[in-house]
Every structure is written in structure tokens, then in C-alpha cells.
Amino acid sequence: MTDLGLMACAAVVDGLRDRPEQLRTLLAGLTHDELLVVSTSALIAFGEALRNTPGGETRAAEIALVLQHQNLEGTPS
């Protein structure tokens, strides 16, 4: 059995450390449903970690605004 929670945390760490190959390897072979769980959990974990760092609430709000603006303009986010 795969520990999807652990994989979600590892995915966040790989993303933050700019390790795309490790991330691809981590996610390779997961089923569609497992990918949905891992990706959703990873986003929740990242948001929680960001908000719980000093100044994180402000930074999280700034990042959200940038992403919203990029999506409205049709540029890749």
C-alpha cells in the first residue's frame, strides 16, 4: 500500500527544492485517483506550511493575487 500523505509531502519538498526529475519519479506509476489525492494533499500541505511561516499569511495572499492575475491575462502560471 502506498502512503499517499507521505508522497504528498515529498512532492512539496521536491517542488520547493526545484527537483523536477525526483518529482516525476515520485509520481510515476500512480493511478489517476492516487494522483488526485497526492496533488490535492500537496497543495493543501504547501498552503498550510506557507501560512505557518513568519510573514506567511501575507506572502500567501501575494502569491494568490499574482496567480489570479496571470490566469486572468491568460499567461502561464
PDB file of N, CA and C in Angstrom:
ATOM      1  N   MET A   1       0.840  -1.190   0.000  1.00  0.00           N
ATOM      2  CA  MET A   1       0.000   0.000   0.000  1.00  0.00           C
ATOM      3  C   MET A   1       0.882   1.250   0.000  1.00  0.00           C
ATOM      4  N   THR A   2       0.498   2.211  -0.786  1.00  0.00           N
ATOM      5  CA  THR A   2       1.250   3.454  -0.934  1.00  0.00           C
ATOM      6  C   THR A   2       0.775   4.463   0.099  1.00  0.00           C
ATOM      7  N   ASP A   3       1.727   5.116   0.776  1.00  0.00           N
ATOM      8  CA  ASP A   3       1.391   6.169   1.733  1.00  0.00           C
ATOM      9  C   ASP A   3       1.274   7.483   0.960  1.00  0.00           C
ATOM     10  N   LEU A   4       0.056   7.820   0.557  1.00  0.00           N
ATOM     11  CA  LEU A   4      -0.160   8.997  -0.279  1.00  0.00           C
ATOM     12  C   LEU A   4       0.120  10.294   0.457  1.00  0.00           C
ATOM     13  N   GLY A   5      -0.099  10.320   1.773  1.00  0.00           N
ATOM     14  CA  GLY A   5       0.215  11.516   2.555  1.00  0.00           C
ATOM     15  C   GLY A   5       1.706  11.798   2.555  1.00  0.00           C
ATOM     16  N   LEU A   6       2.494  10.762   2.726  1.00  0.00           N
ATOM     17  CA  LEU A   6       3.948  10.908   2.690  1.00  0.00           C
ATOM     18  C   LEU A   6       4.405  11.338   1.301  1.00  0.00           C
ATOM     19  N   MET A   7       3.781  10.763   0.288  1.00  0.00           N
ATOM     20  CA  MET A   7       4.132  11.158  -1.080  1.00  0.00           C
ATOM     21  C   MET A   7       3.785  12.621  -1.345  1.00  0.00           C
ATOM     22  N   ALA A   8       2.683  13.090  -0.788  1.00  0.00           N
ATOM     23  CA  ALA A   8       2.291  14.490  -0.965  1.00  0.00           C
ATOM     24  C   ALA A   8       3.333  15.416  -0.343  1.00  0.00           C
ATOM     25  N   CYS A   9       3.797  15.069   0.845  1.00  0.00           N
ATOM     26  CA  CYS A   9       4.829  15.886   1.498  1.00  0.00           C
ATOM     27  C   CYS A   9       6.117  15.868   0.687  1.00  0.00           C
ATOM     28  N   ALA A  10       6.485  14.702   0.185  1.00  0.00           N
ATOM     29  CA  ALA A  10       7.701  14.595  -0.634  1.00  0.00           C
ATOM     30  C   ALA A  10       7.558  15.403  -1.918  1.00  0.00           C
ATOM     31  N   ALA A  11       6.363  15.418  -2.486  1.00  0.00           N
ATOM     32  CA  ALA A  11       6.128  16.196  -3.706  1.00  0.00           C
ATOM     33  C   ALA A  11       6.318  17.684  -3.445  1.00  0.00           C
ATOM     34  N   VAL A  12       5.834  18.168  -2.311  1.00  0.00           N
ATOM     35  CA  VAL A  12       6.010  19.585  -1.957  1.00  0.00           C
ATOM     36  C   VAL A  12       7.499  19.895  -1.791  1.00  0.00           C
ATOM     37  N   VAL A  13       8.204  19.033  -1.084  1.00  0.00           N
ATOM     38  CA  VAL A  13       9.641  19.250  -0.864  1.00  0.00           C
ATOM     39  C   VAL A  13      10.391  19.259  -2.197  1.00  0.00           C
ATOM     40  N   ASP A  14      10.092  18.301  -3.067  1.00  0.00           N
ATOM     41  CA  ASP A  14      10.764  18.269  -4.368  1.00  0.00           C
ATOM     42  C   ASP A  14      10.455  19.523  -5.177  1.00  0.00           C
ATOM     43  N   GLY A  15       9.209  19.985  -5.126  1.00  0.00           N
ATOM     44  CA  GLY A  15       8.849  21.203  -5.839  1.00  0.00           C
ATOM     45  C   GLY A  15       9.576  22.427  -5.294  1.00  0.00           C
ATOM     46  N   LEU A  16       9.635  22.541  -3.988  1.00  0.00           N
ATOM     47  CA  LEU A  16      10.303  23.688  -3.370  1.00  0.00           C
ATOM     48  C   LEU A  16      11.811  23.678  -3.614  1.00  0.00           C
ATOM     49  N   ARG A  17      12.368  22.506  -3.711  1.00  0.00           N
ATOM     50  CA  ARG A  17      13.820  22.384  -3.927  1.00  0.00           C
ATOM     51  C   ARG A  17      14.180  22.312  -5.411  1.00  0.00           C
ATOM     52  N   ASP A  18      13.198  22.555  -6.271  1.00  0.00           N
ATOM     53  CA  ASP A  18      13.412  22.573  -7.719  1.00  0.00           C
ATOM     54  C   ASP A  18      14.037  21.274  -8.213  1.00  0.00           C
ATOM     55  N   ARG A  19      13.369  20.165  -7.879  1.00  0.00           N
ATOM     56  CA  ARG A  19      13.849  18.838  -8.282  1.00  0.00           C
ATOM     57  C   ARG A  19      12.781  18.153  -9.131  1.00  0.00           C
ATOM     58  N   PRO A  20      12.592  18.618 -10.376  1.00  0.00           N
ATOM     59  CA  PRO A  20      11.520  18.070 -11.208  1.00  0.00           C
ATOM     60  C   PRO A  20      11.694  16.588 -11.539  1.00  0.00           C
ATOM     61  N   GLU A  21      12.912  16.136 -11.710  1.00  0.00           N
ATOM     62  CA  GLU A  21      13.114  14.720 -12.036  1.00  0.00           C
ATOM     63  C   GLU A  21      12.702  13.822 -10.873  1.00  0.00           C
ATOM     64  N   GLN A  22      13.061  14.222  -9.650  1.00  0.00           N
ATOM     65  CA  GLN A  22      12.658  13.443  -8.485  1.00  0.00           C
ATOM     66  C   GLN A  22      11.139  13.447  -8.345  1.00  0.00           C
ATOM     67  N   LEU A  23      10.525  14.571  -8.652  1.00  0.00           N
ATOM     68  CA  LEU A  23       9.067  14.667  -8.574  1.00  0.00           C
ATOM     69  C   LEU A  23       8.410  13.742  -9.597  1.00  0.00           C
ATOM     70  N   ARG A  24       8.927  13.749 -10.819  1.00  0.00           N
ATOM     71  CA  ARG A  24       8.384  12.853 -11.848  1.00  0.00           C
ATOM     72  C   ARG A  24       8.523  11.392 -11.427  1.00  0.00           C
ATOM     73  N   THR A  25       9.690  11.050 -10.882  1.00  0.00           N
ATOM     74  CA  THR A  25       9.929   9.678 -10.431  1.00  0.00           C
ATOM     75  C   THR A  25       8.968   9.308  -9.307  1.00  0.00           C
ATOM     76  N   LEU A  26       8.769  10.242  -8.380  1.00  0.00           N
ATOM     77  CA  LEU A  26       7.869  10.005  -7.256  1.00  0.00           C
ATOM     78  C   LEU A  26       6.451   9.708  -7.729  1.00  0.00           C
ATOM     79  N   LEU A  27       5.995  10.438  -8.735  1.00  0.00           N
ATOM     80  CA  LEU A  27       4.607  10.326  -9.177  1.00  0.00           C
ATOM     81  C   LEU A  27       4.387   9.258 -10.246  1.00  0.00           C
ATOM     82  N   ALA A  28       5.465   8.778 -10.837  1.00  0.00           N
ATOM     83  CA  ALA A  28       5.353   7.767 -11.892  1.00  0.00           C
ATOM     84  C   ALA A  28       4.691   6.507 -11.334  1.00  0.00           C
ATOM     85  N   GLY A  29       3.773   5.991 -12.080  1.00  0.00           N
ATOM     86  CA  GLY A  29       3.138   4.737 -11.694  1.00  0.00           C
ATOM     87  C   GLY A  29       1.916   4.872 -10.812  1.00  0.00           C
ATOM     88  N   LEU A  30       1.603   6.084 -10.374  1.00  0.00           N
ATOM     89  CA  LEU A  30       0.393   6.258  -9.573  1.00  0.00           C
ATOM     90  C   LEU A  30      -0.828   6.197 -10.479  1.00  0.00           C
ATOM     91  N   THR A  31      -1.901   5.711  -9.944  1.00  0.00           N
ATOM     92  CA  THR A  31      -3.149   5.700 -10.693  1.00  0.00           C
ATOM     93  C   THR A  31      -3.730   7.114 -10.745  1.00  0.00           C
ATOM     94  N   HIS A  32      -4.728   7.292 -11.579  1.00  0.00           N
ATOM     95  CA  HIS A  32      -5.389   8.596 -11.686  1.00  0.00           C
ATOM     96  C   HIS A  32      -5.921   9.041 -10.330  1.00  0.00           C
ATOM     97  N   ASP A  33      -6.590   8.160  -9.627  1.00  0.00           N
ATOM     98  CA  ASP A  33      -7.151   8.506  -8.322  1.00  0.00           C
ATOM     99  C   ASP A  33      -6.061   8.841  -7.303  1.00  0.00           C
ATOM    100  N   GLU A  34      -4.957   8.091  -7.341  1.00  0.00           N
ATOM    101  CA  GLU A  34      -3.842   8.380  -6.426  1.00  0.00           C
ATOM    102  C   GLU A  34      -3.218   9.733  -6.737  1.00  0.00           C
ATOM    103  N   LEU A  35      -3.083  10.061  -8.025  1.00  0.00           N
ATOM    104  CA  LEU A  35      -2.549  11.373  -8.408  1.00  0.00           C
ATOM    105  C   LEU A  35      -3.447  12.505  -7.915  1.00  0.00           C
ATOM    106  N   LEU A  36      -4.759  12.307  -7.986  1.00  0.00           N
ATOM    107  CA  LEU A  36      -5.682  13.326  -7.486  1.00  0.00           C
ATOM    108  C   LEU A  36      -5.491  13.549  -5.988  1.00  0.00           C
ATOM    109  N   VAL A  37      -5.363  12.463  -5.244  1.00  0.00           N
ATOM    110  CA  VAL A  37      -5.175  12.569  -3.792  1.00  0.00           C
ATOM    111  C   VAL A  37      -3.851  13.241  -3.476  1.00  0.00           C
ATOM    112  N   VAL A  38      -2.777  12.805  -4.135  1.00  0.00           N
ATOM    113  CA  VAL A  38      -1.448  13.355  -3.855  1.00  0.00           C
ATOM    114  C   VAL A  38      -1.381  14.832  -4.237  1.00  0.00           C
ATOM    115  N   SER A  39      -1.911  15.189  -5.411  1.00  0.00           N
ATOM    116  CA  SER A  39      -1.821  16.591  -5.832  1.00  0.00           C
ATOM    117  C   SER A  39      -2.657  17.501  -4.936  1.00  0.00           C
ATOM    118  N   THR A  40      -3.846  17.077  -4.577  1.00  0.00           N
ATOM    119  CA  THR A  40      -4.685  17.876  -3.685  1.00  0.00           C
ATOM    120  C   THR A  40      -4.027  18.014  -2.313  1.00  0.00           C
ATOM    121  N   SER A  41      -3.534  16.918  -1.789  1.00  0.00           N
ATOM    122  CA  SER A  41      -2.884  16.939  -0.477  1.00  0.00           C
ATOM    123  C   SER A  41      -1.623  17.780  -0.490  1.00  0.00           C
ATOM    124  N   ALA A  42      -0.872  17.724  -1.596  1.00  0.00           N
ATOM    125  CA  ALA A  42       0.354  18.511  -1.703  1.00  0.00           C
ATOM    126  C   ALA A  42       0.046  20.005  -1.702  1.00  0.00           C
ATOM    127  N   LEU A  43      -0.993  20.402  -2.419  1.00  0.00           N
ATOM    128  CA  LEU A  43      -1.365  21.821  -2.440  1.00  0.00           C
ATOM    129  C   LEU A  43      -1.828  22.295  -1.066  1.00  0.00           C
ATOM    130  N   ILE A  44      -2.593  21.472  -0.391  1.00  0.00           N
ATOM    131  CA  ILE A  44      -3.041  21.821   0.963  1.00  0.00           C
ATOM    132  C   ILE A  44      -1.848  21.924   1.902  1.00  0.00           C
ATOM    133  N   ALA A  45      -0.928  20.966   1.820  1.00  0.00           N
ATOM    134  CA  ALA A  45       0.261  20.973   2.681  1.00  0.00           C
ATOM    135  C   ALA A  45       1.132  22.190   2.409  1.00  0.00           C
ATOM    136  N   PHE A  46       1.302  22.539   1.131  1.00  0.00           N
ATOM    137  CA  PHE A  46       2.108  23.716   0.795  1.00  0.00           C
ATOM    138  C   PHE A  46       1.475  24.987   1.353  1.00  0.00           C
ATOM    139  N   GLY A  47       0.176  25.130   1.154  1.00  0.00           N
ATOM    140  CA  GLY A  47      -0.514  26.312   1.666  1.00  0.00           C
ATOM    141  C   GLY A  47      -0.416  26.416   3.178  1.00  0.00           C
ATOM    142  N   GLU A  48      -0.594  25.308   3.845  1.00  0.00           N
ATOM    143  CA  GLU A  48      -0.508  25.293   5.310  1.00  0.00           C
ATOM    144  C   GLU A  48       0.902  25.643   5.781  1.00  0.00           C
ATOM    145  N   ALA A  49       1.902  25.062   5.138  1.00  0.00           N
ATOM    146  CA  ALA A  49       3.293  25.352   5.509  1.00  0.00           C
ATOM    147  C   ALA A  49       3.617  26.825   5.272  1.00  0.00           C
ATOM    148  N   LEU A  50       3.170  27.359   4.153  1.00  0.00           N
ATOM    149  CA  LEU A  50       3.426  28.759   3.833  1.00  0.00           C
ATOM    150  C   LEU A  50       2.765  29.684   4.849  1.00  0.00           C
ATOM    151  N   ARG A  51       1.497  29.430   5.148  1.00  0.00           N
ATOM    152  CA  ARG A  51       0.782  30.293   6.087  1.00  0.00           C
ATOM    153  C   ARG A  51       1.349  30.207   7.504  1.00  0.00           C
ATOM    154  N   ASN A  52       1.998  29.099   7.843  1.00  0.00           N
ATOM    155  CA  ASN A  52       2.533  28.913   9.195  1.00  0.00           C
ATOM    156  C   ASN A  52       3.976  29.369   9.354  1.00  0.00           C
ATOM    157  N   THR A  53       4.539  29.990   8.341  1.00  0.00           N
ATOM    158  CA  THR A  53       5.877  30.563   8.472  1.00  0.00           C
ATOM    159  C   THR A  53       5.732  32.043   8.806  1.00  0.00           C
ATOM    160  N   PRO A  54       6.747  32.634   9.451  1.00  0.00           N
ATOM    161  CA  PRO A  54       6.657  34.065   9.761  1.00  0.00           C
ATOM    162  C   PRO A  54       6.421  34.888   8.490  1.00  0.00           C
ATOM    163  N   GLY A  55       5.382  35.694   8.509  1.00  0.00           N
ATOM    164  CA  GLY A  55       5.018  36.516   7.360  1.00  0.00           C
ATOM    165  C   GLY A  55       4.313  35.733   6.266  1.00  0.00           C
ATOM    166  N   GLY A  56       4.016  34.481   6.529  1.00  0.00           N
ATOM    167  CA  GLY A  56       3.453  33.606   5.516  1.00  0.00           C
ATOM    168  C   GLY A  56       2.062  33.973   5.061  1.00  0.00           C
ATOM    169  N   GLU A  57       1.232  34.469   5.967  1.00  0.00           N
ATOM    170  CA  GLU A  57      -0.132  34.859   5.576  1.00  0.00           C
ATOM    171  C   GLU A  57      -0.080  35.931   4.488  1.00  0.00           C
ATOM    172  N   THR A  58       0.781  36.911   4.684  1.00  0.00           N
ATOM    173  CA  THR A  58       0.916  37.991   3.699  1.00  0.00           C
ATOM    174  C   THR A  58       1.467  37.455   2.395  1.00  0.00           C
ATOM    175  N   ARG A  59       2.507  36.630   2.487  1.00  0.00           N
ATOM    176  CA  ARG A  59       3.123  36.064   1.288  1.00  0.00           C
ATOM    177  C   ARG A  59       2.120  35.189   0.521  1.00  0.00           C
ATOM    178  N   ALA A  60       1.339  34.399   1.238  1.00  0.00           N
ATOM    179  CA  ALA A  60       0.337  33.540   0.595  1.00  0.00           C
ATOM    180  C   ALA A  60      -0.685  34.394  -0.162  1.00  0.00           C
ATOM    181  N   ALA A  61      -1.115  35.487   0.441  1.00  0.00           N
ATOM    182  CA  ALA A  61      -2.073  36.374  -0.222  1.00  0.00           C
ATOM    183  C   ALA A  61      -1.458  37.000  -1.471  1.00  0.00           C
ATOM    184  N   GLU A  62      -0.181  37.384  -1.392  1.00  0.00           N
ATOM    185  CA  GLU A  62       0.505  37.966  -2.547  1.00  0.00           C
ATOM    186  C   GLU A  62       0.624  36.955  -3.687  1.00  0.00           C
ATOM    187  N   ILE A  63       1.000  35.729  -3.361  1.00  0.00           N
ATOM    188  CA  ILE A  63       1.130  34.686  -4.374  1.00  0.00           C
ATOM    189  C   ILE A  63      -0.226  34.420  -5.031  1.00  0.00           C
ATOM    190  N   ALA A  64      -1.270  34.349  -4.233  1.00  0.00           N
ATOM    191  CA  ALA A  64      -2.612  34.108  -4.770  1.00  0.00           C
ATOM    192  C   ALA A  64      -3.010  35.207  -5.753  1.00  0.00           C
ATOM    193  N   LEU A  65      -2.705  36.459  -5.415  1.00  0.00           N
ATOM    194  CA  LEU A  65      -3.039  37.574  -6.309  1.00  0.00           C
ATOM    195  C   LEU A  65      -2.262  37.490  -7.614  1.00  0.00           C
ATOM    196  N   VAL A  66      -0.990  37.143  -7.537  1.00  0.00           N
ATOM    197  CA  VAL A  66      -0.175  37.011  -8.749  1.00  0.00           C
ATOM    198  C   VAL A  66      -0.735  35.905  -9.644  1.00  0.00           C
ATOM    199  N   LEU A  67      -1.058  34.760  -9.053  1.00  0.00           N
ATOM    200  CA  LEU A  67      -1.597  33.659  -9.844  1.00  0.00           C
ATOM    201  C   LEU A  67      -2.948  34.011 -10.447  1.00  0.00           C
ATOM    202  N   GLN A  68      -3.795  34.685  -9.687  1.00  0.00           N
ATOM    203  CA  GLN A  68      -5.092  35.096 -10.216  1.00  0.00           C
ATOM    204  C   GLN A  68      -4.912  36.066 -11.379  1.00  0.00           C
ATOM    205  N   HIS A  69      -3.994  36.999 -11.234  1.00  0.00           N
ATOM    206  CA  HIS A  69      -3.741  37.986 -12.285  1.00  0.00           C
ATOM    207  C   HIS A  69      -3.219  37.294 -13.553  1.00  0.00           C
ATOM    208  N   GLN A  70      -2.288  36.350 -13.384  1.00  0.00           N
ATOM    209  CA  GLN A  70      -1.745  35.633 -14.536  1.00  0.00           C
ATOM    210  C   GLN A  70      -2.831  34.850 -15.245  1.00  0.00           C
ATOM    211  N   ASN A  71      -3.693  34.202 -14.481  1.00  0.00           N
ATOM    212  CA  ASN A  71      -4.759  33.421 -15.092  1.00  0.00           C
ATOM    213  C   ASN A  71      -5.758  34.300 -15.824  1.00  0.00           C
ATOM    214  N   LEU A  72      -6.033  35.488 -15.298  1.00  0.00           N
ATOM    215  CA  LEU A  72      -6.953  36.411 -15.955  1.00  0.00           C
ATOM    216  C   LEU A  72      -6.386  36.918 -17.271  1.00  0.00           C
ATOM    217  N   GLU A  73      -5.066  37.082 -17.317  1.00  0.00           N
ATOM    218  CA  GLU A  73      -4.423  37.592 -18.514  1.00  0.00           C
ATOM    219  C   GLU A  73      -4.107  36.485 -19.502  1.00  0.00           C
ATOM    220  N   GLY A  74      -4.301  35.244 -19.099  1.00  0.00           N
ATOM    221  CA  GLY A  74      -4.055  34.130 -19.993  1.00  0.00           C
ATOM    222  C   GLY A  74      -2.601  33.735 -20.125  1.00  0.00           C
ATOM    223  N   THR A  75      -1.761  34.227 -19.235  1.00  0.00           N
ATOM    224  CA  THR A  75      -0.356  33.832 -19.289  1.00  0.00           C
ATOM    225  C   THR A  75      -0.161  32.613 -18.395  1.00  0.00           C
ATOM    226  N   PRO A  76       0.820  31.793 -18.726  1.00  0.00           N
ATOM    227  CA  PRO A  76       1.034  30.596 -17.899  1.00  0.00           C
ATOM    228  C   PRO A  76       1.396  30.957 -16.478  1.00  0.00           C
ATOM    229  N   SER A  77       0.879  30.164 -15.537  1.00  0.00           N
ATOM    230  CA  SER A  77       1.203  30.410 -14.131  1.00  0.00           C
ATOM    231  C   SER A  77       2.111  29.337 -13.594  1.00  0.00           C
TER     232      SER A  77
END
